[in-house]
Amino acid sequence: MMPLIFRTSHDAIHVDKETGTSVDYHIFDEYEIHINQVRPHTVQEWHSHARIIETLLVTKGKLLCRYQKEDGTDKREMIKGDKKTYRP
């Protein structure tokens, strides 16, 4: 049986980025959880992941997500409760 893991914000690695995003990183051997707080009008730098699937869950407000696809770029506006999974 897999162990049950309890984590709080005190267990996270906290980073305030110059771009206006605050992130709490919860790092595990096989996955990561990033809890981001993004200020209005903030633009996050383009990035990619070689081995993980990124799932966005908006819990407050709205987010304009721009992402790359094989045939170019696309965008989607997300609001609280929407979920978008990106698979590389």
PDB file of N, CA and C in Angstrom:
ATOM      1  N   MET A   1       0.846  -1.177   0.000  1.00  0.00           N
ATOM      2  CA  MET A   1       0.000   0.000   0.000  1.00  0.00           C
ATOM      3  C   MET A   1       0.895   1.246   0.000  1.00  0.00           C
ATOM      4  N   MET A   2       0.527   2.231  -0.835  1.00  0.00           N
ATOM      5  CA  MET A   2       1.276   3.483  -0.895  1.00  0.00           C
ATOM      6  C   MET A   2       1.008   4.295   0.371  1.00  0.00           C
ATOM      7  N   PRO A   3       2.025   5.013   0.860  1.00  0.00           N
ATOM      8  CA  PRO A   3       1.808   5.815   2.065  1.00  0.00           C
ATOM      9  C   PRO A   3       0.926   7.028   1.770  1.00  0.00           C
ATOM     10  N   LEU A   4       0.200   7.469   2.765  1.00  0.00           N
ATOM     11  CA  LEU A   4      -0.610   8.679   2.671  1.00  0.00           C
ATOM     12  C   LEU A   4       0.285   9.850   3.051  1.00  0.00           C
ATOM     13  N   ILE A   5       0.329  10.880   2.234  1.00  0.00           N
ATOM     14  CA  ILE A   5       1.221  12.015   2.455  1.00  0.00           C
ATOM     15  C   ILE A   5       0.384  13.250   2.769  1.00  0.00           C
ATOM     16  N   PHE A   6       0.678  13.891   3.867  1.00  0.00           N
ATOM     17  CA  PHE A   6       0.023  15.145   4.237  1.00  0.00           C
ATOM     18  C   PHE A   6       1.042  16.266   4.076  1.00  0.00           C
ATOM     19  N   ARG A   7       0.660  17.330   3.349  1.00  0.00           N
ATOM     20  CA  ARG A   7       1.550  18.473   3.141  1.00  0.00           C
ATOM     21  C   ARG A   7       0.785  19.757   3.447  1.00  0.00           C
ATOM     22  N   THR A   8       1.490  20.732   3.975  1.00  0.00           N
ATOM     23  CA  THR A   8       0.922  22.062   4.193  1.00  0.00           C
ATOM     24  C   THR A   8       1.812  23.083   3.498  1.00  0.00           C
ATOM     25  N   SER A   9       1.395  24.322   3.494  1.00  0.00           N
ATOM     26  CA  SER A   9       2.204  25.369   2.864  1.00  0.00           C
ATOM     27  C   SER A   9       3.555  25.522   3.551  1.00  0.00           C
ATOM     28  N   HIS A  10       3.652  25.126   4.812  1.00  0.00           N
ATOM     29  CA  HIS A  10       4.930  25.207   5.545  1.00  0.00           C
ATOM     30  C   HIS A  10       5.946  24.188   5.031  1.00  0.00           C
ATOM     31  N   ASP A  11       5.495  23.154   4.339  1.00  0.00           N
ATOM     32  CA  ASP A  11       6.383  22.125   3.796  1.00  0.00           C
ATOM     33  C   ASP A  11       6.910  22.476   2.409  1.00  0.00           C
ATOM     34  N   ALA A  12       6.395  23.524   1.815  1.00  0.00           N
ATOM     35  CA  ALA A  12       6.733  23.873   0.429  1.00  0.00           C
ATOM     36  C   ALA A  12       8.011  24.706   0.354  1.00  0.00           C
ATOM     37  N   ILE A  13       8.599  24.700  -0.842  1.00  0.00           N
ATOM     38  CA  ILE A  13       9.679  25.617  -1.174  1.00  0.00           C
ATOM     39  C   ILE A  13       8.988  26.817  -1.828  1.00  0.00           C
ATOM     40  N   HIS A  14       9.082  27.985  -1.200  1.00  0.00           N
ATOM     41  CA  HIS A  14       8.366  29.165  -1.686  1.00  0.00           C
ATOM     42  C   HIS A  14       9.301  30.060  -2.496  1.00  0.00           C
ATOM     43  N   VAL A  15       8.817  30.515  -3.666  1.00  0.00           N
ATOM     44  CA  VAL A  15       9.592  31.408  -4.532  1.00  0.00           C
ATOM     45  C   VAL A  15       8.682  32.534  -5.012  1.00  0.00           C
ATOM     46  N   ASP A  16       9.136  33.779  -4.838  1.00  0.00           N
ATOM     47  CA  ASP A  16       8.473  34.937  -5.423  1.00  0.00           C
ATOM     48  C   ASP A  16       9.264  35.328  -6.660  1.00  0.00           C
ATOM     49  N   LYS A  17       8.643  35.171  -7.842  1.00  0.00           N
ATOM     50  CA  LYS A  17       9.331  35.444  -9.100  1.00  0.00           C
ATOM     51  C   LYS A  17       9.190  36.920  -9.485  1.00  0.00           C
ATOM     52  N   GLU A  18      10.183  37.428 -10.197  1.00  0.00           N
ATOM     53  CA  GLU A  18      10.149  38.816 -10.659  1.00  0.00           C
ATOM     54  C   GLU A  18       9.005  39.072 -11.623  1.00  0.00           C
ATOM     55  N   THR A  19       8.490  38.026 -12.252  1.00  0.00           N
ATOM     56  CA  THR A  19       7.401  38.164 -13.224  1.00  0.00           C
ATOM     57  C   THR A  19       6.060  38.437 -12.558  1.00  0.00           C
ATOM     58  N   GLY A  20       5.979  38.312 -11.220  1.00  0.00           N
ATOM     59  CA  GLY A  20       4.724  38.563 -10.517  1.00  0.00           C
ATOM     60  C   GLY A  20       4.010  37.319 -10.058  1.00  0.00           C
ATOM     61  N   THR A  21       4.664  36.174 -10.139  1.00  0.00           N
ATOM     62  CA  THR A  21       4.076  34.916  -9.700  1.00  0.00           C
ATOM     63  C   THR A  21       4.736  34.465  -8.403  1.00  0.00           C
ATOM     64  N   SER A  22       3.938  34.039  -7.448  1.00  0.00           N
ATOM     65  CA  SER A  22       4.440  33.400  -6.230  1.00  0.00           C
ATOM     66  C   SER A  22       4.124  31.919  -6.333  1.00  0.00           C
ATOM     67  N   VAL A  23       5.118  31.076  -6.058  1.00  0.00           N
ATOM     68  CA  VAL A  23       4.944  29.629  -6.231  1.00  0.00           C
ATOM     69  C   VAL A  23       5.343  28.900  -4.966  1.00  0.00           C
ATOM     70  N   ASP A  24       4.511  27.953  -4.554  1.00  0.00           N
ATOM     71  CA  ASP A  24       4.855  26.979  -3.516  1.00  0.00           C
ATOM     72  C   ASP A  24       5.103  25.659  -4.217  1.00  0.00           C
ATOM     73  N   TYR A  25       6.346  25.164  -4.142  1.00  0.00           N
ATOM     74  CA  TYR A  25       6.736  23.912  -4.785  1.00  0.00           C
ATOM     75  C   TYR A  25       6.695  22.782  -3.765  1.00  0.00           C
ATOM     76  N   HIS A  26       5.945  21.737  -4.083  1.00  0.00           N
ATOM     77  CA  HIS A  26       5.940  20.499  -3.300  1.00  0.00           C
ATOM     78  C   HIS A  26       6.575  19.443  -4.202  1.00  0.00           C
ATOM     79  N   ILE A  27       7.778  19.005  -3.859  1.00  0.00           N
ATOM     80  CA  ILE A  27       8.568  18.124  -4.718  1.00  0.00           C
ATOM     81  C   ILE A  27       8.576  16.710  -4.144  1.00  0.00           C
ATOM     82  N   PHE A  28       8.210  15.745  -4.976  1.00  0.00           N
ATOM     83  CA  PHE A  28       8.220  14.341  -4.602  1.00  0.00           C
ATOM     84  C   PHE A  28       9.065  13.580  -5.618  1.00  0.00           C
ATOM     85  N   ASP A  29       9.378  12.331  -5.347  1.00  0.00           N
ATOM     86  CA  ASP A  29      10.213  11.544  -6.261  1.00  0.00           C
ATOM     87  C   ASP A  29       9.582  11.376  -7.636  1.00  0.00           C
ATOM     88  N   GLU A  30       8.281  11.146  -7.698  1.00  0.00           N
ATOM     89  CA  GLU A  30       7.640  10.817  -8.971  1.00  0.00           C
ATOM     90  C   GLU A  30       6.741  11.912  -9.530  1.00  0.00           C
ATOM     91  N   TYR A  31       6.545  12.992  -8.800  1.00  0.00           N
ATOM     92  CA  TYR A  31       5.700  14.081  -9.291  1.00  0.00           C
ATOM     93  C   TYR A  31       5.971  15.348  -8.486  1.00  0.00           C
ATOM     94  N   GLU A  32       5.428  16.452  -8.966  1.00  0.00           N
ATOM     95  CA  GLU A  32       5.542  17.732  -8.283  1.00  0.00           C
ATOM     96  C   GLU A  32       4.176  18.404  -8.270  1.00  0.00           C
ATOM     97  N   ILE A  33       3.939  19.188  -7.235  1.00  0.00           N
ATOM     98  CA  ILE A  33       2.756  20.034  -7.171  1.00  0.00           C
ATOM     99  C   ILE A  33       3.254  21.465  -7.037  1.00  0.00           C
ATOM    100  N   HIS A  34       2.817  22.335  -7.959  1.00  0.00           N
ATOM    101  CA  HIS A  34       3.167  23.745  -7.911  1.00  0.00           C
ATOM    102  C   HIS A  34       1.881  24.528  -7.682  1.00  0.00           C
ATOM    103  N   ILE A  35       1.833  25.284  -6.604  1.00  0.00           N
ATOM    104  CA  ILE A  35       0.674  26.117  -6.321  1.00  0.00           C
ATOM    105  C   ILE A  35       1.089  27.553  -6.616  1.00  0.00           C
ATOM    106  N   ASN A  36       0.518  28.105  -7.695  1.00  0.00           N
ATOM    107  CA  ASN A  36       0.908  29.437  -8.165  1.00  0.00           C
ATOM    108  C   ASN A  36      -0.152  30.465  -7.810  1.00  0.00           C
ATOM    109  N   GLN A  37       0.299  31.624  -7.368  1.00  0.00           N
ATOM    110  CA  GLN A  37      -0.558  32.792  -7.244  1.00  0.00           C
ATOM    111  C   GLN A  37      -0.033  33.794  -8.265  1.00  0.00           C
ATOM    112  N   VAL A  38      -0.875  34.147  -9.218  1.00  0.00           N
ATOM    113  CA  VAL A  38      -0.467  34.997 -10.330  1.00  0.00           C
ATOM    114  C   VAL A  38      -1.208  36.323 -10.222  1.00  0.00           C
ATOM    115  N   ARG A  39      -0.461  37.415 -10.134  1.00  0.00           N
ATOM    116  CA  ARG A  39      -1.089  38.739 -10.061  1.00  0.00           C
ATOM    117  C   ARG A  39      -1.684  39.113 -11.419  1.00  0.00           C
ATOM    118  N   PRO A  40      -2.708  39.962 -11.424  1.00  0.00           N
ATOM    119  CA  PRO A  40      -3.295  40.400 -12.697  1.00  0.00           C
ATOM    120  C   PRO A  40      -2.249  40.999 -13.634  1.00  0.00           C
ATOM    121  N   HIS A  41      -2.408  40.761 -14.916  1.00  0.00           N
ATOM    122  CA  HIS A  41      -1.545  41.285 -15.982  1.00  0.00           C
ATOM    123  C   HIS A  41      -0.129  40.716 -15.927  1.00  0.00           C
ATOM    124  N   THR A  42       0.052  39.594 -15.252  1.00  0.00           N
ATOM    125  CA  THR A  42       1.353  38.931 -15.179  1.00  0.00           C
ATOM    126  C   THR A  42       1.508  38.016 -16.393  1.00  0.00           C
ATOM    127  N   VAL A  43       2.711  37.984 -16.950  1.00  0.00           N
ATOM    128  CA  VAL A  43       3.024  37.082 -18.055  1.00  0.00           C
ATOM    129  C   VAL A  43       4.099  36.118 -17.582  1.00  0.00           C
ATOM    130  N   GLN A  44       3.773  34.840 -17.579  1.00  0.00           N
ATOM    131  CA  GLN A  44       4.751  33.829 -17.177  1.00  0.00           C
ATOM    132  C   GLN A  44       5.638  33.500 -18.370  1.00  0.00           C
ATOM    133  N   GLU A  45       6.904  33.259 -18.112  1.00  0.00           N
ATOM    134  CA  GLU A  45       7.844  32.934 -19.183  1.00  0.00           C
ATOM    135  C   GLU A  45       7.455  31.607 -19.839  1.00  0.00           C
ATOM    136  N   TRP A  46       7.744  31.486 -21.157  1.00  0.00           N
ATOM    137  CA  TRP A  46       7.504  30.228 -21.868  1.00  0.00           C
ATOM    138  C   TRP A  46       8.370  29.152 -21.239  1.00  0.00           C
ATOM    139  N   HIS A  47       7.811  27.981 -21.095  1.00  0.00           N
ATOM    140  CA  HIS A  47       8.585  26.862 -20.552  1.00  0.00           C
ATOM    141  C   HIS A  47       7.984  25.563 -21.081  1.00  0.00           C
ATOM    142  N   SER A  48       8.717  24.484 -20.911  1.00  0.00           N
ATOM    143  CA  SER A  48       8.223  23.176 -21.332  1.00  0.00           C
ATOM    144  C   SER A  48       8.684  22.124 -20.334  1.00  0.00           C
ATOM    145  N   HIS A  49       8.068  20.966 -20.413  1.00  0.00           N
ATOM    146  CA  HIS A  49       8.395  19.860 -19.526  1.00  0.00           C
ATOM    147  C   HIS A  49       8.685  18.626 -20.372  1.00  0.00           C
ATOM    148  N   ALA A  50       9.798  17.974 -20.087  1.00  0.00           N
ATOM    149  CA  ALA A  50      10.182  16.797 -20.854  1.00  0.00           C
ATOM    150  C   ALA A  50       9.516  15.522 -20.338  1.00  0.00           C
ATOM    151  N   ARG A  51       9.219  15.475 -19.043  1.00  0.00           N
ATOM    152  CA  ARG A  51       8.768  14.201 -18.470  1.00  0.00           C
ATOM    153  C   ARG A  51       7.477  14.260 -17.681  1.00  0.00           C
ATOM    154  N   ILE A  52       6.896  15.419 -17.524  1.00  0.00           N
ATOM    155  CA  ILE A  52       5.685  15.484 -16.712  1.00  0.00           C
ATOM    156  C   ILE A  52       4.521  16.025 -17.535  1.00  0.00           C
ATOM    157  N   ILE A  53       3.331  15.790 -17.053  1.00  0.00           N
ATOM    158  CA  ILE A  53       2.115  16.364 -17.617  1.00  0.00           C
ATOM    159  C   ILE A  53       1.743  17.541 -16.728  1.00  0.00           C
ATOM    160  N   GLU A  54       1.500  18.689 -17.332  1.00  0.00           N
ATOM    161  CA  GLU A  54       1.130  19.865 -16.562  1.00  0.00           C
ATOM    162  C   GLU A  54      -0.383  20.021 -16.606  1.00  0.00           C
ATOM    163  N   THR A  55      -0.992  20.147 -15.454  1.00  0.00           N
ATOM    164  CA  THR A  55      -2.428  20.354 -15.350  1.00  0.00           C
ATOM    165  C   THR A  55      -2.665  21.682 -14.657  1.00  0.00           C
ATOM    166  N   LEU A  56      -3.478  22.531 -15.266  1.00  0.00           N
ATOM    167  CA  LEU A  56      -3.818  23.825 -14.682  1.00  0.00           C
ATOM    168  C   LEU A  56      -5.212  23.745 -14.099  1.00  0.00           C
ATOM    169  N   LEU A  57      -5.356  24.204 -12.875  1.00  0.00           N
ATOM    170  CA  LEU A  57      -6.656  24.278 -12.222  1.00  0.00           C
ATOM    171  C   LEU A  57      -6.779  25.679 -11.648  1.00  0.00           C
ATOM    172  N   VAL A  58      -7.672  26.467 -12.194  1.00  0.00           N
ATOM    173  CA  VAL A  58      -7.867  27.843 -11.746  1.00  0.00           C
ATOM    174  C   VAL A  58      -8.856  27.818 -10.585  1.00  0.00           C
ATOM    175  N   THR A  59      -8.442  28.338  -9.430  1.00  0.00           N
ATOM    176  CA  THR A  59      -9.293  28.324  -8.241  1.00  0.00           C
ATOM    177  C   THR A  59      -9.901  29.688  -7.933  1.00  0.00           C
ATOM    178  N   LYS A  60      -9.393  30.737  -8.620  1.00  0.00           N
ATOM    179  CA  LYS A  60      -9.919  32.084  -8.400  1.00  0.00           C
ATOM    180  C   LYS A  60      -9.593  32.928  -9.628  1.00  0.00           C
ATOM    181  N   GLY A  61     -10.554  33.724 -10.071  1.00  0.00           N
ATOM    182  CA  GLY A  61     -10.308  34.625 -11.186  1.00  0.00           C
ATOM    183  C   GLY A  61     -10.304  33.912 -12.520  1.00  0.00           C
ATOM    184  N   LYS A  62      -9.502  34.446 -13.461  1.00  0.00           N
ATOM    185  CA  LYS A  62      -9.397  33.831 -14.785  1.00  0.00           C
ATOM    186  C   LYS A  62      -7.957  33.916 -15.257  1.00  0.00           C
ATOM    187  N   LEU A  63      -7.620  33.060 -16.234  1.00  0.00           N
ATOM    188  CA  LEU A  63      -6.266  32.949 -16.742  1.00  0.00           C
ATOM    189  C   LEU A  63      -6.324  32.758 -18.247  1.00  0.00           C
ATOM    190  N   LEU A  64      -5.539  33.542 -18.981  1.00  0.00           N
ATOM    191  CA  LEU A  64      -5.390  33.328 -20.413  1.00  0.00           C
ATOM    192  C   LEU A  64      -4.149  32.482 -20.602  1.00  0.00           C
ATOM    193  N   CYS A  65      -4.350  31.265 -21.066  1.00  0.00           N
ATOM    194  CA  CYS A  65      -3.259  30.304 -21.229  1.00  0.00           C
ATOM    195  C   CYS A  65      -2.912  30.210 -22.711  1.00  0.00           C
ATOM    196  N   ARG A  66      -1.659  30.507 -23.054  1.00  0.00           N
ATOM    197  CA  ARG A  66      -1.158  30.336 -24.419  1.00  0.00           C
ATOM    198  C   ARG A  66      -0.209  29.140 -24.385  1.00  0.00           C
ATOM    199  N   TYR A  67      -0.364  28.235 -25.352  1.00  0.00           N
ATOM    200  CA  TYR A  67       0.443  27.024 -25.331  1.00  0.00           C
ATOM    201  C   TYR A  67       0.787  26.603 -26.747  1.00  0.00           C
ATOM    202  N   GLN A  68       1.859  25.824 -26.854  1.00  0.00           N
ATOM    203  CA  GLN A  68       2.308  25.359 -28.158  1.00  0.00           C
ATOM    204  C   GLN A  68       1.687  24.012 -28.486  1.00  0.00           C
ATOM    205  N   LYS A  69       1.348  23.861 -29.761  1.00  0.00           N
ATOM    206  CA  LYS A  69       0.868  22.602 -30.303  1.00  0.00           C
ATOM    207  C   LYS A  69       1.790  22.239 -31.457  1.00  0.00           C
ATOM    208  N   GLU A  70       1.645  21.038 -31.981  1.00  0.00           N
ATOM    209  CA  GLU A  70       2.507  20.610 -33.089  1.00  0.00           C
ATOM    210  C   GLU A  70       2.399  21.529 -34.300  1.00  0.00           C
ATOM    211  N   ASP A  71       1.216  22.106 -34.524  1.00  0.00           N
ATOM    212  CA  ASP A  71       1.009  22.949 -35.696  1.00  0.00           C
ATOM    213  C   ASP A  71       1.028  24.447 -35.371  1.00  0.00           C
ATOM    214  N   GLY A  72       1.607  24.834 -34.233  1.00  0.00           N
ATOM    215  CA  GLY A  72       1.692  26.252 -33.878  1.00  0.00           C
ATOM    216  C   GLY A  72       1.292  26.494 -32.439  1.00  0.00           C
ATOM    217  N   THR A  73       0.725  27.666 -32.184  1.00  0.00           N
ATOM    218  CA  THR A  73       0.309  28.003 -30.833  1.00  0.00           C
ATOM    219  C   THR A  73      -1.201  28.123 -30.769  1.00  0.00           C
ATOM    220  N   ASP A  74      -1.724  28.021 -29.568  1.00  0.00           N
ATOM    221  CA  ASP A  74      -3.155  28.171 -29.338  1.00  0.00           C
ATOM    222  C   ASP A  74      -3.330  28.894 -28.018  1.00  0.00           C
ATOM    223  N   LYS A  75      -4.558  29.260 -27.696  1.00  0.00           N
ATOM    224  CA  LYS A  75      -4.819  29.909 -26.413  1.00  0.00           C
ATOM    225  C   LYS A  75      -6.193  29.499 -25.921  1.00  0.00           C
ATOM    226  N   ARG A  76      -6.351  29.608 -24.615  1.00  0.00           N
ATOM    227  CA  ARG A  76      -7.634  29.289 -23.996  1.00  0.00           C
ATOM    228  C   ARG A  76      -7.767  30.130 -22.739  1.00  0.00           C
ATOM    229  N   GLU A  77      -8.916  30.773 -22.582  1.00  0.00           N
ATOM    230  CA  GLU A  77      -9.180  31.487 -21.338  1.00  0.00           C
ATOM    231  C   GLU A  77      -9.838  30.518 -20.377  1.00  0.00           C
ATOM    232  N   MET A  78      -9.306  30.471 -19.178  1.00  0.00           N
ATOM    233  CA  MET A  78      -9.831  29.564 -18.164  1.00  0.00           C
ATOM    234  C   MET A  78     -10.377  30.377 -17.007  1.00  0.00           C
ATOM    235  N   ILE A  79     -11.456  29.893 -16.419  1.00  0.00           N
ATOM    236  CA  ILE A  79     -12.029  30.538 -15.240  1.00  0.00           C
ATOM    237  C   ILE A  79     -12.083  29.514 -14.116  1.00  0.00           C
ATOM    238  N   LYS A  80     -12.386  29.964 -12.934  1.00  0.00           N
ATOM    239  CA  LYS A  80     -12.456  29.097 -11.766  1.00  0.00           C
ATOM    240  C   LYS A  80     -13.220  27.815 -12.096  1.00  0.00           C
ATOM    241  N   GLY A  81     -12.594  26.667 -11.810  1.00  0.00           N
ATOM    242  CA  GLY A  81     -13.238  25.379 -12.034  1.00  0.00           C
ATOM    243  C   GLY A  81     -12.879  24.706 -13.337  1.00  0.00           C
ATOM    244  N   ASP A  82     -12.383  25.478 -14.343  1.00  0.00           N
ATOM    245  CA  ASP A  82     -11.952  24.866 -15.595  1.00  0.00           C
ATOM    246  C   ASP A  82     -10.644  24.110 -15.367  1.00  0.00           C
ATOM    247  N   LYS A  83     -10.382  23.122 -16.213  1.00  0.00           N
ATOM    248  CA  LYS A  83      -9.116  22.377 -16.117  1.00  0.00           C
ATOM    249  C   LYS A  83      -8.591  22.125 -17.512  1.00  0.00           C
ATOM    250  N   LYS A  84      -7.301  22.336 -17.709  1.00  0.00           N
ATOM    251  CA  LYS A  84      -6.649  22.072 -19.003  1.00  0.00           C
ATOM    252  C   LYS A  84      -5.414  21.241 -18.738  1.00  0.00           C
ATOM    253  N   THR A  85      -5.307  20.103 -19.364  1.00  0.00           N
ATOM    254  CA  THR A  85      -4.128  19.255 -19.232  1.00  0.00           C
ATOM    255  C   THR A  85      -3.342  19.324 -20.522  1.00  0.00           C
ATOM    256  N   TYR A  86      -2.035  19.582 -20.391  1.00  0.00           N
ATOM    257  CA  TYR A  86      -1.154  19.626 -21.555  1.00  0.00           C
ATOM    258  C   TYR A  86      -0.307  18.370 -21.545  1.00  0.00           C
ATOM    259  N   ARG A  87      -0.341  17.605 -22.596  1.00  0.00           N
ATOM    260  CA  ARG A  87       0.472  16.395 -22.723  1.00  0.00           C
ATOM    261  C   ARG A  87       1.501  16.630 -23.806  1.00  0.00           C
ATOM    262  N   PRO A  88       2.810  16.563 -23.445  1.00  0.00           N
ATOM    263  CA  PRO A  88       3.877  16.814 -24.437  1.00  0.00           C
ATOM    264  C   PRO A  88       3.898  15.767 -25.533  1.00  0.00           C
TER     265      PRO A  88
END
